[in-house]
N, C-alpha and C. Protein backbone atom coordinates (compact mmCIF):
# COMPACT_ATOMS: atom_id res chain seq x y z
N MET A 1 -23.34 4.22 -11.51
CA MET A 1 -22.14 3.90 -12.25
C MET A 1 -20.96 3.73 -11.29
N ALA A 2 -21.08 2.83 -10.38
CA ALA A 2 -20.01 2.60 -9.42
C ALA A 2 -18.76 2.12 -10.13
N GLY A 3 -17.62 2.60 -9.69
CA GLY A 3 -16.36 2.15 -10.25
C GLY A 3 -15.88 2.95 -11.44
N THR A 4 -16.55 4.03 -11.79
CA THR A 4 -16.11 4.86 -12.90
C THR A 4 -15.75 6.24 -12.39
N ILE A 5 -15.06 7.00 -13.21
CA ILE A 5 -14.69 8.36 -12.83
C ILE A 5 -15.94 9.20 -12.59
N ASN A 6 -16.90 9.10 -13.50
CA ASN A 6 -18.13 9.89 -13.34
C ASN A 6 -18.90 9.45 -12.11
N GLY A 7 -18.90 8.15 -11.82
CA GLY A 7 -19.57 7.66 -10.62
C GLY A 7 -18.94 8.19 -9.36
N GLY A 8 -17.61 8.25 -9.35
CA GLY A 8 -16.89 8.80 -8.20
C GLY A 8 -17.18 10.27 -7.98
N LYS A 9 -17.25 11.01 -9.07
CA LYS A 9 -17.57 12.44 -8.97
C LYS A 9 -18.99 12.64 -8.45
N ALA A 10 -19.91 11.80 -8.91
CA ALA A 10 -21.30 11.90 -8.44
C ALA A 10 -21.40 11.56 -6.96
N ALA A 11 -20.67 10.55 -6.53
CA ALA A 11 -20.68 10.17 -5.12
C ALA A 11 -20.09 11.28 -4.26
N ALA A 12 -19.01 11.90 -4.72
CA ALA A 12 -18.39 13.00 -3.98
C ALA A 12 -19.37 14.17 -3.86
N LYS A 13 -20.06 14.45 -4.93
CA LYS A 13 -21.04 15.55 -4.93
C LYS A 13 -22.16 15.26 -3.93
N THR A 14 -22.63 14.02 -3.92
CA THR A 14 -23.69 13.62 -2.98
C THR A 14 -23.21 13.72 -1.53
N ASN A 15 -22.01 13.20 -1.27
CA ASN A 15 -21.46 13.25 0.08
C ASN A 15 -21.32 14.69 0.58
N LYS A 16 -20.84 15.57 -0.28
CA LYS A 16 -20.66 16.97 0.11
C LYS A 16 -22.01 17.65 0.35
N ALA A 17 -23.02 17.28 -0.44
CA ALA A 17 -24.36 17.86 -0.26
C ALA A 17 -24.98 17.39 1.05
N ARG A 18 -24.79 16.13 1.38
CA ARG A 18 -25.38 15.57 2.61
C ARG A 18 -24.64 15.97 3.88
N HIS A 19 -23.30 15.99 3.80
CA HIS A 19 -22.50 16.12 5.02
C HIS A 19 -21.69 17.40 5.11
N GLY A 20 -21.77 18.26 4.13
CA GLY A 20 -21.02 19.51 4.16
C GLY A 20 -19.81 19.47 3.24
N LYS A 21 -19.33 20.66 2.89
CA LYS A 21 -18.26 20.74 1.90
C LYS A 21 -16.91 20.24 2.42
N ASN A 22 -16.73 20.16 3.74
CA ASN A 22 -15.47 19.67 4.29
C ASN A 22 -15.57 18.20 4.71
N PHE A 23 -16.43 17.43 4.06
CA PHE A 23 -16.66 16.02 4.39
C PHE A 23 -15.36 15.22 4.36
N TYR A 24 -14.58 15.32 3.31
CA TYR A 24 -13.38 14.51 3.17
C TYR A 24 -12.27 15.00 4.10
N ALA A 25 -12.19 16.28 4.34
CA ALA A 25 -11.20 16.80 5.29
C ALA A 25 -11.50 16.30 6.69
N GLU A 26 -12.77 16.21 7.03
CA GLU A 26 -13.17 15.72 8.36
C GLU A 26 -12.82 14.24 8.53
N ILE A 27 -13.03 13.46 7.50
CA ILE A 27 -12.66 12.04 7.55
C ILE A 27 -11.15 11.90 7.77
N GLY A 28 -10.36 12.68 7.05
CA GLY A 28 -8.91 12.64 7.20
C GLY A 28 -8.47 13.08 8.58
N ARG A 29 -9.13 14.09 9.13
CA ARG A 29 -8.78 14.57 10.47
C ARG A 29 -9.03 13.48 11.50
N LYS A 30 -10.18 12.83 11.42
CA LYS A 30 -10.51 11.76 12.36
C LYS A 30 -9.54 10.59 12.24
N GLY A 31 -9.19 10.24 11.01
CA GLY A 31 -8.25 9.14 10.81
C GLY A 31 -6.88 9.46 11.37
N GLY A 32 -6.45 10.69 11.21
CA GLY A 32 -5.15 11.10 11.75
C GLY A 32 -5.12 11.06 13.26
N GLN A 33 -6.21 11.41 13.89
CA GLN A 33 -6.28 11.35 15.34
C GLN A 33 -6.25 9.92 15.84
N ASN A 34 -6.94 9.02 15.15
CA ASN A 34 -7.00 7.64 15.57
C ASN A 34 -5.68 6.92 15.38
N GLY A 35 -4.84 7.42 14.49
CA GLY A 35 -3.60 6.73 14.17
C GLY A 35 -2.49 6.90 15.18
N THR A 36 -2.70 7.65 16.25
CA THR A 36 -1.62 7.92 17.20
C THR A 36 -1.95 7.45 18.60
N LYS A 37 -2.67 6.33 18.70
CA LYS A 37 -3.08 5.87 20.02
C LYS A 37 -2.22 4.73 20.55
N GLY A 38 -1.76 3.85 19.69
CA GLY A 38 -1.01 2.71 20.22
C GLY A 38 -0.28 1.99 19.12
N GLY A 39 -0.06 0.71 19.31
CA GLY A 39 0.63 -0.09 18.32
C GLY A 39 2.07 0.35 18.14
N PHE A 40 2.53 0.41 16.91
CA PHE A 40 3.91 0.78 16.64
C PHE A 40 4.19 2.24 17.00
N TYR A 41 3.17 3.06 16.96
CA TYR A 41 3.37 4.47 17.34
C TYR A 41 3.81 4.58 18.80
N ALA A 42 3.20 3.77 19.65
CA ALA A 42 3.47 3.85 21.08
C ALA A 42 4.71 3.07 21.47
N ASN A 43 5.11 2.10 20.67
CA ASN A 43 6.22 1.23 21.04
C ASN A 43 7.18 1.11 19.86
N ARG A 44 8.13 2.03 19.79
CA ARG A 44 9.07 2.08 18.67
C ARG A 44 9.95 0.84 18.63
N GLU A 45 10.28 0.28 19.78
CA GLU A 45 11.12 -0.92 19.81
C GLU A 45 10.39 -2.11 19.20
N LEU A 46 9.08 -2.20 19.43
CA LEU A 46 8.27 -3.25 18.82
C LEU A 46 8.27 -3.11 17.31
N ALA A 47 8.19 -1.89 16.81
CA ALA A 47 8.22 -1.65 15.37
C ALA A 47 9.57 -2.05 14.80
N ARG A 48 10.62 -1.72 15.49
CA ARG A 48 11.97 -2.06 15.03
C ARG A 48 12.14 -3.57 14.94
N GLU A 49 11.69 -4.27 15.95
CA GLU A 49 11.80 -5.72 15.99
C GLU A 49 10.97 -6.38 14.87
N ALA A 50 9.78 -5.87 14.65
CA ALA A 50 8.93 -6.41 13.59
C ALA A 50 9.57 -6.20 12.22
N GLY A 51 10.16 -5.05 11.99
CA GLY A 51 10.84 -4.78 10.73
C GLY A 51 12.04 -5.68 10.55
N ARG A 52 12.76 -5.94 11.62
CA ARG A 52 13.91 -6.84 11.55
C ARG A 52 13.47 -8.25 11.17
N LYS A 53 12.41 -8.73 11.80
CA LYS A 53 11.91 -10.08 11.52
C LYS A 53 11.44 -10.18 10.07
N GLY A 54 10.72 -9.17 9.60
CA GLY A 54 10.25 -9.18 8.21
C GLY A 54 11.40 -9.18 7.23
N GLY A 55 12.43 -8.41 7.52
CA GLY A 55 13.59 -8.35 6.65
C GLY A 55 14.34 -9.67 6.60
N MET A 56 14.39 -10.38 7.71
CA MET A 56 15.09 -11.65 7.74
C MET A 56 14.33 -12.71 6.96
N ARG A 57 13.02 -12.57 6.86
CA ARG A 57 12.20 -13.55 6.15
C ARG A 57 11.96 -13.16 4.69
N SER A 58 12.58 -12.08 4.28
CA SER A 58 12.39 -11.60 2.92
C SER A 58 12.82 -12.65 1.91
N ARG A 59 12.08 -12.76 0.83
CA ARG A 59 12.43 -13.73 -0.22
C ARG A 59 13.27 -13.08 -1.31
N ARG A 60 13.53 -11.81 -1.15
CA ARG A 60 14.38 -11.14 -2.12
C ARG A 60 15.83 -11.52 -1.86
N GLY A 61 16.62 -11.49 -2.90
CA GLY A 61 18.03 -11.80 -2.77
C GLY A 61 18.80 -10.61 -2.21
N LYS A 62 20.09 -10.80 -2.06
CA LYS A 62 20.94 -9.72 -1.59
C LYS A 62 20.95 -8.59 -2.61
N ALA A 63 21.07 -7.39 -2.13
CA ALA A 63 21.14 -6.23 -3.01
C ALA A 63 22.45 -6.25 -3.78
N THR A 64 22.38 -5.96 -5.06
CA THR A 64 23.58 -5.92 -5.88
C THR A 64 23.62 -4.60 -6.63
N THR A 65 24.79 -4.20 -7.02
CA THR A 65 24.94 -3.00 -7.83
C THR A 65 25.23 -3.42 -9.27
N VAL A 66 24.68 -2.70 -10.21
CA VAL A 66 24.88 -2.99 -11.62
C VAL A 66 25.82 -1.93 -12.17
N LYS A 67 26.91 -2.38 -12.76
CA LYS A 67 27.88 -1.45 -13.34
C LYS A 67 27.48 -1.17 -14.79
N ALA A 68 27.40 0.10 -15.12
CA ALA A 68 27.03 0.48 -16.48
C ALA A 68 28.21 0.24 -17.42
N THR A 69 27.92 -0.27 -18.59
CA THR A 69 28.97 -0.46 -19.60
C THR A 69 28.90 0.67 -20.62
N ALA A 70 30.04 1.10 -21.06
CA ALA A 70 30.09 2.24 -21.98
C ALA A 70 29.80 1.88 -23.39
């Protein structure tokens, strides 16, 4: 029953039985370690520049404030 709540619970139960009760914590730990090796983490100026470029190409209009009427 892939894609259902019960299917997800069954898959979690199987994963924990096969790989140990801390299966999901271990996946998260490994992902957190891998996320600090390079890219924007290592070069903050590159991240700043990329954000600036994305903001300039935004298709959204200028921010406006809406005044509440009484």
